Amino acid sequence: MKFIKKIGLVLLVVFIVAQFFGPEKNQGDLASIEAFLTETNPPENVKLILKESCFDCHSNVTRYPWYNTITPINYWMADHIKHGSKHFNVSKWEGATVKKKDHKFDELIEMVEAKEMPLPSYTWTHSEAKLTDAQIKLIIDWAKGVRSNYGSILTYE
């Protein structure tokens, strides 16, 4: 029994010490999203959906919940954000080619239609991010319109 208590005490000390360390936060400038919003021109209802369901992981601006201060949760979240923004980052939209932008919107449509985005691990704690069928349709229709614009640009290149 003493052995188990010692292990428990050591784990508790490690947990407490770990709270003083954490990953770097993803807190960029909101202005980094403007180029994406200006170019893709989402209607207000779509902007709200993007803000609630997408931008935390797919931009350089993340709204962190209170539990992000707890290690190891903060490392798990940082990893999700890193992977999300690696695949699709609206904060880096301005420098991308039209071909790449078109491809990203193709992926967006595919992932949202398949209900693979937003991730269930995100919507567990962000219930407002869970998309209804009507919201999915709004996003898909807007994204298809954006792709149509990119398609007409690509035909002239």
N, C-alpha and C. Protein backbone atom coordinates (compact mmCIF):
# COMPACT_ATOMS: atom_id res chain seq x y z
N MET A 1 0.81 -1.20 0.00
CA MET A 1 0.00 0.00 0.00
C MET A 1 0.86 1.27 0.00
N LYS A 2 1.98 1.22 0.74
CA LYS A 2 2.86 2.38 0.79
C LYS A 2 3.41 2.70 -0.60
N PHE A 3 3.68 1.67 -1.38
CA PHE A 3 4.21 1.84 -2.72
C PHE A 3 3.21 2.61 -3.60
N ILE A 4 1.96 2.25 -3.52
CA ILE A 4 0.91 2.91 -4.32
C ILE A 4 0.77 4.37 -3.89
N LYS A 5 0.84 4.63 -2.58
CA LYS A 5 0.76 6.00 -2.09
C LYS A 5 1.94 6.84 -2.59
N LYS A 6 3.13 6.25 -2.62
CA LYS A 6 4.31 6.96 -3.10
C LYS A 6 4.18 7.28 -4.59
N ILE A 7 3.71 6.33 -5.35
CA ILE A 7 3.49 6.56 -6.80
C ILE A 7 2.46 7.66 -6.99
N GLY A 8 1.38 7.61 -6.22
CA GLY A 8 0.34 8.64 -6.31
C GLY A 8 0.88 10.02 -5.96
N LEU A 9 1.71 10.09 -4.92
CA LEU A 9 2.31 11.36 -4.52
C LEU A 9 3.24 11.89 -5.60
N VAL A 10 4.07 11.02 -6.17
CA VAL A 10 4.97 11.42 -7.25
C VAL A 10 4.17 11.93 -8.44
N LEU A 11 3.12 11.23 -8.82
CA LEU A 11 2.28 11.66 -9.95
C LEU A 11 1.61 13.00 -9.67
N LEU A 12 1.18 13.21 -8.43
CA LEU A 12 0.57 14.48 -8.06
C LEU A 12 1.58 15.62 -8.17
N VAL A 13 2.80 15.41 -7.70
CA VAL A 13 3.84 16.42 -7.79
C VAL A 13 4.16 16.73 -9.26
N VAL A 14 4.28 15.68 -10.08
CA VAL A 14 4.56 15.87 -11.51
C VAL A 14 3.43 16.67 -12.15
N PHE A 15 2.19 16.35 -11.82
CA PHE A 15 1.04 17.06 -12.37
C PHE A 15 1.08 18.53 -11.97
N ILE A 16 1.37 18.81 -10.72
CA ILE A 16 1.41 20.20 -10.24
C ILE A 16 2.54 20.97 -10.92
N VAL A 17 3.71 20.38 -11.01
CA VAL A 17 4.85 21.05 -11.67
C VAL A 17 4.53 21.30 -13.15
N ALA A 18 3.88 20.34 -13.78
CA ALA A 18 3.55 20.47 -15.21
C ALA A 18 2.65 21.66 -15.49
N GLN A 19 1.90 22.12 -14.48
CA GLN A 19 0.98 23.24 -14.69
C GLN A 19 1.73 24.55 -14.96
N PHE A 20 3.00 24.59 -14.62
CA PHE A 20 3.80 25.80 -14.84
C PHE A 20 4.37 25.86 -16.26
N PHE A 21 4.12 24.84 -17.05
CA PHE A 21 4.63 24.77 -18.42
C PHE A 21 3.46 24.57 -19.37
N GLY A 22 3.61 25.02 -20.59
CA GLY A 22 2.55 24.83 -21.58
C GLY A 22 3.03 25.22 -22.95
N PRO A 23 2.29 24.83 -23.96
CA PRO A 23 2.67 25.16 -25.34
C PRO A 23 2.40 26.64 -25.64
N GLU A 24 3.01 27.10 -26.71
CA GLU A 24 2.78 28.47 -27.16
C GLU A 24 1.33 28.59 -27.65
N LYS A 25 0.72 29.72 -27.35
CA LYS A 25 -0.67 29.92 -27.77
C LYS A 25 -0.75 30.52 -29.16
N ASN A 26 -1.83 30.22 -29.83
CA ASN A 26 -2.10 30.67 -31.19
C ASN A 26 -2.94 31.95 -31.11
N GLN A 27 -2.29 33.08 -30.82
CA GLN A 27 -3.03 34.32 -30.63
C GLN A 27 -2.54 35.40 -31.59
N GLY A 28 -2.86 35.20 -32.84
CA GLY A 28 -2.49 36.17 -33.86
C GLY A 28 -3.44 37.35 -33.88
N ASP A 29 -3.29 38.15 -34.87
CA ASP A 29 -4.08 39.36 -35.04
C ASP A 29 -5.35 39.06 -35.83
N LEU A 30 -6.47 39.58 -35.36
CA LEU A 30 -7.75 39.39 -36.07
C LEU A 30 -7.69 39.92 -37.50
N ALA A 31 -6.84 40.89 -37.74
CA ALA A 31 -6.71 41.45 -39.09
C ALA A 31 -6.22 40.40 -40.08
N SER A 32 -5.57 39.34 -39.58
CA SER A 32 -5.07 38.29 -40.48
C SER A 32 -6.19 37.52 -41.18
N ILE A 33 -7.38 37.61 -40.65
CA ILE A 33 -8.54 36.91 -41.23
C ILE A 33 -9.22 37.77 -42.30
N GLU A 34 -8.98 39.07 -42.26
CA GLU A 34 -9.68 40.01 -43.14
C GLU A 34 -9.50 39.71 -44.63
N ALA A 35 -8.29 39.35 -45.04
CA ALA A 35 -8.06 39.07 -46.47
C ALA A 35 -8.95 37.92 -46.94
N PHE A 36 -9.06 36.89 -46.11
CA PHE A 36 -9.92 35.75 -46.44
C PHE A 36 -11.38 36.20 -46.53
N LEU A 37 -11.85 36.95 -45.55
CA LEU A 37 -13.25 37.40 -45.53
C LEU A 37 -13.55 38.33 -46.70
N THR A 38 -12.61 39.22 -47.01
CA THR A 38 -12.82 40.15 -48.12
C THR A 38 -12.88 39.41 -49.45
N GLU A 39 -11.96 38.49 -49.65
CA GLU A 39 -11.90 37.78 -50.93
C GLU A 39 -13.06 36.81 -51.13
N THR A 40 -13.45 36.11 -50.07
CA THR A 40 -14.49 35.08 -50.22
C THR A 40 -15.89 35.62 -49.94
N ASN A 41 -15.98 36.80 -49.35
CA ASN A 41 -17.23 37.52 -49.14
C ASN A 41 -18.37 36.66 -48.59
N PRO A 42 -18.19 36.04 -47.42
CA PRO A 42 -19.29 35.25 -46.87
C PRO A 42 -20.39 36.16 -46.34
N PRO A 43 -21.66 35.75 -46.49
CA PRO A 43 -22.74 36.53 -45.88
C PRO A 43 -22.60 36.48 -44.35
N GLU A 44 -23.27 37.37 -43.66
CA GLU A 44 -23.12 37.48 -42.19
C GLU A 44 -23.40 36.16 -41.47
N ASN A 45 -24.44 35.42 -41.90
CA ASN A 45 -24.75 34.16 -41.22
C ASN A 45 -23.63 33.13 -41.40
N VAL A 46 -22.97 33.14 -42.54
CA VAL A 46 -21.85 32.24 -42.79
C VAL A 46 -20.63 32.70 -41.99
N LYS A 47 -20.41 34.01 -41.90
CA LYS A 47 -19.31 34.54 -41.09
C LYS A 47 -19.43 34.06 -39.64
N LEU A 48 -20.65 34.11 -39.13
CA LEU A 48 -20.88 33.67 -37.75
C LEU A 48 -20.55 32.19 -37.59
N ILE A 49 -20.97 31.38 -38.55
CA ILE A 49 -20.67 29.94 -38.51
C ILE A 49 -19.16 29.73 -38.55
N LEU A 50 -18.47 30.43 -39.43
CA LEU A 50 -17.02 30.30 -39.55
C LEU A 50 -16.34 30.67 -38.23
N LYS A 51 -16.81 31.75 -37.61
CA LYS A 51 -16.23 32.20 -36.35
C LYS A 51 -16.45 31.17 -35.25
N GLU A 52 -17.64 30.61 -35.17
CA GLU A 52 -17.97 29.67 -34.10
C GLU A 52 -17.43 28.26 -34.34
N SER A 53 -17.30 27.87 -35.59
CA SER A 53 -16.98 26.47 -35.89
C SER A 53 -15.63 26.23 -36.55
N CYS A 54 -15.00 27.26 -37.08
CA CYS A 54 -13.80 27.02 -37.91
C CYS A 54 -12.54 27.77 -37.47
N PHE A 55 -12.68 29.04 -37.17
CA PHE A 55 -11.51 29.90 -37.00
C PHE A 55 -10.60 29.51 -35.84
N ASP A 56 -11.13 28.89 -34.79
CA ASP A 56 -10.27 28.53 -33.66
C ASP A 56 -9.13 27.61 -34.08
N CYS A 57 -9.40 26.71 -35.01
CA CYS A 57 -8.37 25.76 -35.46
C CYS A 57 -7.80 26.10 -36.83
N HIS A 58 -8.53 26.88 -37.60
CA HIS A 58 -8.13 27.13 -38.98
C HIS A 58 -7.75 28.59 -39.23
N SER A 59 -7.17 29.23 -38.23
CA SER A 59 -6.62 30.58 -38.38
C SER A 59 -5.52 30.75 -37.34
N ASN A 60 -4.92 31.92 -37.33
CA ASN A 60 -3.90 32.21 -36.32
C ASN A 60 -4.51 32.88 -35.09
N VAL A 61 -5.82 32.87 -35.01
CA VAL A 61 -6.53 33.50 -33.89
C VAL A 61 -7.42 32.45 -33.23
N THR A 62 -7.06 32.06 -32.02
CA THR A 62 -7.82 31.03 -31.31
C THR A 62 -8.38 31.61 -30.02
N ARG A 63 -9.66 31.32 -29.78
CA ARG A 63 -10.30 31.67 -28.50
C ARG A 63 -10.10 30.46 -27.59
N TYR A 64 -9.36 30.65 -26.53
CA TYR A 64 -9.06 29.53 -25.63
C TYR A 64 -10.04 29.47 -24.48
N PRO A 65 -10.58 28.28 -24.21
CA PRO A 65 -11.47 28.12 -23.04
C PRO A 65 -10.64 28.05 -21.75
N TRP A 66 -11.30 28.17 -20.62
CA TRP A 66 -10.60 28.17 -19.33
C TRP A 66 -9.78 26.91 -19.11
N TYR A 67 -10.26 25.77 -19.57
CA TYR A 67 -9.57 24.51 -19.29
C TYR A 67 -8.29 24.33 -20.11
N ASN A 68 -8.00 25.29 -21.00
CA ASN A 68 -6.74 25.23 -21.74
C ASN A 68 -5.55 25.55 -20.84
N THR A 69 -5.80 25.98 -19.64
CA THR A 69 -4.70 26.27 -18.71
C THR A 69 -4.24 25.01 -17.99
N ILE A 70 -4.93 23.90 -18.21
CA ILE A 70 -4.60 22.65 -17.54
C ILE A 70 -3.72 21.78 -18.44
N THR A 71 -2.54 21.44 -17.93
CA THR A 71 -1.66 20.50 -18.62
C THR A 71 -2.12 19.10 -18.22
N PRO A 72 -2.33 18.20 -19.11
CA PRO A 72 -1.90 18.06 -20.49
C PRO A 72 -2.95 18.47 -21.53
N ILE A 73 -4.11 18.97 -21.09
CA ILE A 73 -5.16 19.36 -22.04
C ILE A 73 -4.64 20.41 -23.01
N ASN A 74 -3.86 21.36 -22.50
CA ASN A 74 -3.37 22.43 -23.37
C ASN A 74 -2.45 21.90 -24.48
N TYR A 75 -1.69 20.85 -24.21
CA TYR A 75 -0.85 20.26 -25.26
C TYR A 75 -1.71 19.55 -26.31
N TRP A 76 -2.73 18.87 -25.86
CA TRP A 76 -3.65 18.17 -26.76
C TRP A 76 -4.33 19.19 -27.69
N MET A 77 -4.80 20.31 -27.10
CA MET A 77 -5.46 21.34 -27.92
C MET A 77 -4.48 21.98 -28.89
N ALA A 78 -3.27 22.26 -28.42
CA ALA A 78 -2.26 22.87 -29.29
C ALA A 78 -1.97 21.98 -30.49
N ASP A 79 -1.95 20.67 -30.27
CA ASP A 79 -1.71 19.73 -31.37
C ASP A 79 -2.86 19.78 -32.38
N HIS A 80 -4.09 19.82 -31.89
CA HIS A 80 -5.26 19.93 -32.79
C HIS A 80 -5.19 21.21 -33.61
N ILE A 81 -4.87 22.31 -32.96
CA ILE A 81 -4.80 23.60 -33.65
C ILE A 81 -3.68 23.59 -34.69
N LYS A 82 -2.55 23.03 -34.31
CA LYS A 82 -1.41 22.95 -35.24
C LYS A 82 -1.79 22.18 -36.50
N HIS A 83 -2.43 21.02 -36.32
CA HIS A 83 -2.83 20.21 -37.47
C HIS A 83 -3.92 20.89 -38.29
N GLY A 84 -4.88 21.51 -37.61
CA GLY A 84 -5.96 22.19 -38.32
C GLY A 84 -5.46 23.34 -39.18
N SER A 85 -4.60 24.16 -38.61
CA SER A 85 -4.11 25.31 -39.38
C SER A 85 -3.08 24.90 -40.42
N LYS A 86 -2.48 23.74 -40.25
CA LYS A 86 -1.56 23.23 -41.28
C LYS A 86 -2.34 22.86 -42.55
N HIS A 87 -3.52 22.31 -42.39
CA HIS A 87 -4.32 21.87 -43.54
C HIS A 87 -5.11 23.02 -44.18
N PHE A 88 -5.55 23.97 -43.35
CA PHE A 88 -6.38 25.06 -43.88
C PHE A 88 -6.26 26.23 -42.92
N ASN A 89 -5.56 27.28 -43.33
CA ASN A 89 -5.34 28.42 -42.45
C ASN A 89 -5.76 29.70 -43.15
N VAL A 90 -6.88 30.26 -42.72
CA VAL A 90 -7.39 31.47 -43.37
C VAL A 90 -6.52 32.69 -43.10
N SER A 91 -5.69 32.63 -42.07
CA SER A 91 -4.78 33.74 -41.78
C SER A 91 -3.64 33.84 -42.80
N LYS A 92 -3.42 32.76 -43.52
CA LYS A 92 -2.35 32.76 -44.54
C LYS A 92 -2.95 32.72 -45.95
N TRP A 93 -4.16 33.20 -46.07
CA TRP A 93 -4.90 33.14 -47.33
C TRP A 93 -4.30 34.03 -48.40
N GLU A 94 -3.86 35.21 -48.00
CA GLU A 94 -3.43 36.22 -48.96
C GLU A 94 -2.29 35.75 -49.87
N GLY A 95 -1.37 34.97 -49.37
CA GLY A 95 -0.22 34.57 -50.18
C GLY A 95 -0.43 33.32 -51.01
N ALA A 96 -1.58 32.67 -50.88
CA ALA A 96 -1.82 31.41 -51.60
C ALA A 96 -2.21 31.66 -53.05
N THR A 97 -1.91 30.69 -53.91
CA THR A 97 -2.30 30.78 -55.31
C THR A 97 -3.80 30.51 -55.45
N VAL A 98 -4.37 30.94 -56.55
CA VAL A 98 -5.80 30.69 -56.80
C VAL A 98 -6.05 29.19 -56.87
N LYS A 99 -5.13 28.45 -57.49
CA LYS A 99 -5.28 27.00 -57.59
C LYS A 99 -5.33 26.36 -56.19
N LYS A 100 -4.47 26.80 -55.30
CA LYS A 100 -4.46 26.26 -53.94
C LYS A 100 -5.74 26.64 -53.19
N LYS A 101 -6.18 27.88 -53.35
CA LYS A 101 -7.40 28.33 -52.70
C LYS A 101 -8.60 27.51 -53.17
N ASP A 102 -8.67 27.29 -54.47
CA ASP A 102 -9.74 26.48 -55.04
C ASP A 102 -9.71 25.06 -54.45
N HIS A 103 -8.52 24.51 -54.35
CA HIS A 103 -8.36 23.16 -53.78
C HIS A 103 -8.80 23.13 -52.31
N LYS A 104 -8.46 24.16 -51.55
CA LYS A 104 -8.84 24.22 -50.14
C LYS A 104 -10.35 24.29 -49.99
N PHE A 105 -10.99 25.03 -50.89
CA PHE A 105 -12.45 25.09 -50.84
C PHE A 105 -13.08 23.77 -51.26
N ASP A 106 -12.46 23.07 -52.18
CA ASP A 106 -12.93 21.73 -52.55
C ASP A 106 -12.87 20.81 -51.33
N GLU A 107 -11.75 20.87 -50.60
CA GLU A 107 -11.61 20.06 -49.38
C GLU A 107 -12.62 20.48 -48.31
N LEU A 108 -12.84 21.80 -48.18
CA LEU A 108 -13.81 22.30 -47.21
C LEU A 108 -15.19 21.72 -47.50
N ILE A 109 -15.60 21.77 -48.75
CA ILE A 109 -16.91 21.23 -49.14
C ILE A 109 -16.99 19.74 -48.80
N GLU A 110 -15.96 19.01 -49.17
CA GLU A 110 -15.93 17.57 -48.92
C GLU A 110 -16.02 17.24 -47.43
N MET A 111 -15.26 17.95 -46.62
CA MET A 111 -15.23 17.67 -45.18
C MET A 111 -16.53 18.06 -44.48
N VAL A 112 -17.10 19.18 -44.87
CA VAL A 112 -18.34 19.63 -44.24
C VAL A 112 -19.51 18.76 -44.69
N GLU A 113 -19.56 18.42 -45.97
CA GLU A 113 -20.63 17.53 -46.46
C GLU A 113 -20.59 16.18 -45.77
N ALA A 114 -19.40 15.67 -45.54
CA ALA A 114 -19.24 14.37 -44.88
C ALA A 114 -19.41 14.47 -43.36
N LYS A 115 -19.64 15.68 -42.87
CA LYS A 115 -19.79 15.96 -41.43
C LYS A 115 -18.55 15.55 -40.64
N GLU A 116 -17.38 15.68 -41.30
CA GLU A 116 -16.11 15.40 -40.63
C GLU A 116 -15.55 16.65 -39.97
N MET A 117 -16.11 17.80 -40.33
CA MET A 117 -15.71 19.07 -39.73
C MET A 117 -16.96 19.79 -39.28
N PRO A 118 -16.90 20.45 -38.15
CA PRO A 118 -15.83 20.46 -37.17
C PRO A 118 -15.70 19.10 -36.47
N LEU A 119 -14.51 18.85 -35.95
CA LEU A 119 -14.24 17.57 -35.30
C LEU A 119 -15.14 17.35 -34.09
N PRO A 120 -15.55 16.10 -33.87
CA PRO A 120 -16.36 15.81 -32.67
C PRO A 120 -15.65 16.21 -31.38
N SER A 121 -14.34 16.08 -31.33
CA SER A 121 -13.60 16.46 -30.12
C SER A 121 -13.71 17.97 -29.85
N TYR A 122 -13.97 18.75 -30.89
CA TYR A 122 -14.17 20.20 -30.72
C TYR A 122 -15.60 20.49 -30.30
N THR A 123 -16.55 19.82 -30.93
CA THR A 123 -17.96 20.12 -30.64
C THR A 123 -18.42 19.57 -29.29
N TRP A 124 -17.66 18.64 -28.71
CA TRP A 124 -18.00 18.18 -27.35
C TRP A 124 -18.01 19.33 -26.37
N THR A 125 -17.04 20.20 -26.51
CA THR A 125 -16.91 21.31 -25.57
C THR A 125 -17.36 22.64 -26.16
N HIS A 126 -17.67 22.67 -27.43
CA HIS A 126 -18.16 23.88 -28.10
C HIS A 126 -19.45 23.51 -28.83
N SER A 127 -20.51 23.35 -28.07
CA SER A 127 -21.78 22.90 -28.66
C SER A 127 -22.28 23.85 -29.74
N GLU A 128 -21.95 25.14 -29.62
CA GLU A 128 -22.37 26.12 -30.63
C GLU A 128 -21.70 25.88 -31.98
N ALA A 129 -20.63 25.09 -31.99
CA ALA A 129 -19.90 24.82 -33.23
C ALA A 129 -20.50 23.66 -34.03
N LYS A 130 -21.37 22.89 -33.40
CA LYS A 130 -21.99 21.75 -34.09
C LYS A 130 -22.92 22.29 -35.18
N LEU A 131 -22.70 21.84 -36.40
CA LEU A 131 -23.45 22.37 -37.53
C LEU A 131 -24.77 21.63 -37.75
N THR A 132 -25.82 22.40 -37.96
CA THR A 132 -27.10 21.82 -38.32
C THR A 132 -27.09 21.55 -39.83
N ASP A 133 -28.07 20.81 -40.31
CA ASP A 133 -28.15 20.56 -41.75
C ASP A 133 -28.31 21.87 -42.53
N ALA A 134 -29.07 22.81 -41.96
CA ALA A 134 -29.26 24.11 -42.62
C ALA A 134 -27.94 24.88 -42.69
N GLN A 135 -27.15 24.84 -41.63
CA GLN A 135 -25.86 25.52 -41.63
C GLN A 135 -24.89 24.86 -42.61
N ILE A 136 -24.94 23.55 -42.67
CA ILE A 136 -24.10 22.83 -43.63
C ILE A 136 -24.44 23.28 -45.05
N LYS A 137 -25.72 23.39 -45.34
CA LYS A 137 -26.15 23.83 -46.67
C LYS A 137 -25.66 25.26 -46.95
N LEU A 138 -25.76 26.14 -45.96
CA LEU A 138 -25.27 27.52 -46.14
C LEU A 138 -23.79 27.54 -46.47
N ILE A 139 -23.01 26.79 -45.72
CA ILE A 139 -21.56 26.74 -45.93
C ILE A 139 -21.24 26.17 -47.31
N ILE A 140 -21.91 25.06 -47.65
CA ILE A 140 -21.65 24.40 -48.94
C ILE A 140 -22.01 25.33 -50.10
N ASP A 141 -23.16 25.97 -50.02
CA ASP A 141 -23.59 26.87 -51.10
C ASP A 141 -22.61 28.03 -51.26
N TRP A 142 -22.20 28.63 -50.14
CA TRP A 142 -21.23 29.72 -50.19
C TRP A 142 -19.91 29.24 -50.77
N ALA A 143 -19.43 28.09 -50.30
CA ALA A 143 -18.14 27.55 -50.75
C ALA A 143 -18.17 27.22 -52.25
N LYS A 144 -19.29 26.69 -52.72
CA LYS A 144 -19.41 26.38 -54.15
C LYS A 144 -19.38 27.67 -54.97
N GLY A 145 -19.99 28.73 -54.45
CA GLY A 145 -19.95 30.02 -55.13
C GLY A 145 -18.53 30.57 -55.21
N VAL A 146 -17.78 30.42 -54.12
CA VAL A 146 -16.38 30.87 -54.10
C VAL A 146 -15.58 30.05 -55.10
N ARG A 147 -15.80 28.75 -55.13
CA ARG A 147 -15.09 27.89 -56.10
C ARG A 147 -15.43 28.29 -57.53
N SER A 148 -16.66 28.65 -57.75
CA SER A 148 -17.07 29.08 -59.09
C SER A 148 -16.26 30.31 -59.51
N ASN A 149 -16.09 31.24 -58.59
CA ASN A 149 -15.28 32.44 -58.89
C ASN A 149 -13.84 32.06 -59.18
N TYR A 150 -13.28 31.17 -58.37
CA TYR A 150 -11.90 30.73 -58.60
C TYR A 150 -11.79 29.98 -59.92
N GLY A 151 -12.81 29.20 -60.25
CA GLY A 151 -12.79 28.45 -61.51
C GLY A 151 -12.73 29.37 -62.72
N SER A 152 -13.46 30.47 -62.66
CA SER A 152 -13.43 31.40 -63.79
C SER A 152 -12.08 32.10 -63.89
N ILE A 153 -11.41 32.33 -62.77
CA ILE A 153 -10.06 32.91 -62.79
C ILE A 153 -9.08 31.89 -63.37
N LEU A 154 -9.22 30.63 -62.94
CA LEU A 154 -8.30 29.59 -63.39
C LEU A 154 -8.41 29.33 -64.89
N THR A 155 -9.60 29.53 -65.47
CA THR A 155 -9.77 29.30 -66.90
C THR A 155 -9.00 30.33 -67.72
N TYR A 156 -8.83 31.52 -67.16
CA TYR A 156 -8.13 32.57 -67.89
C TYR A 156 -6.61 32.54 -67.69
N GLU A 157 -6.14 31.72 -66.75
CA GLU A 157 -4.69 31.67 -66.50
C GLU A 157 -3.99 30.77 -67.50
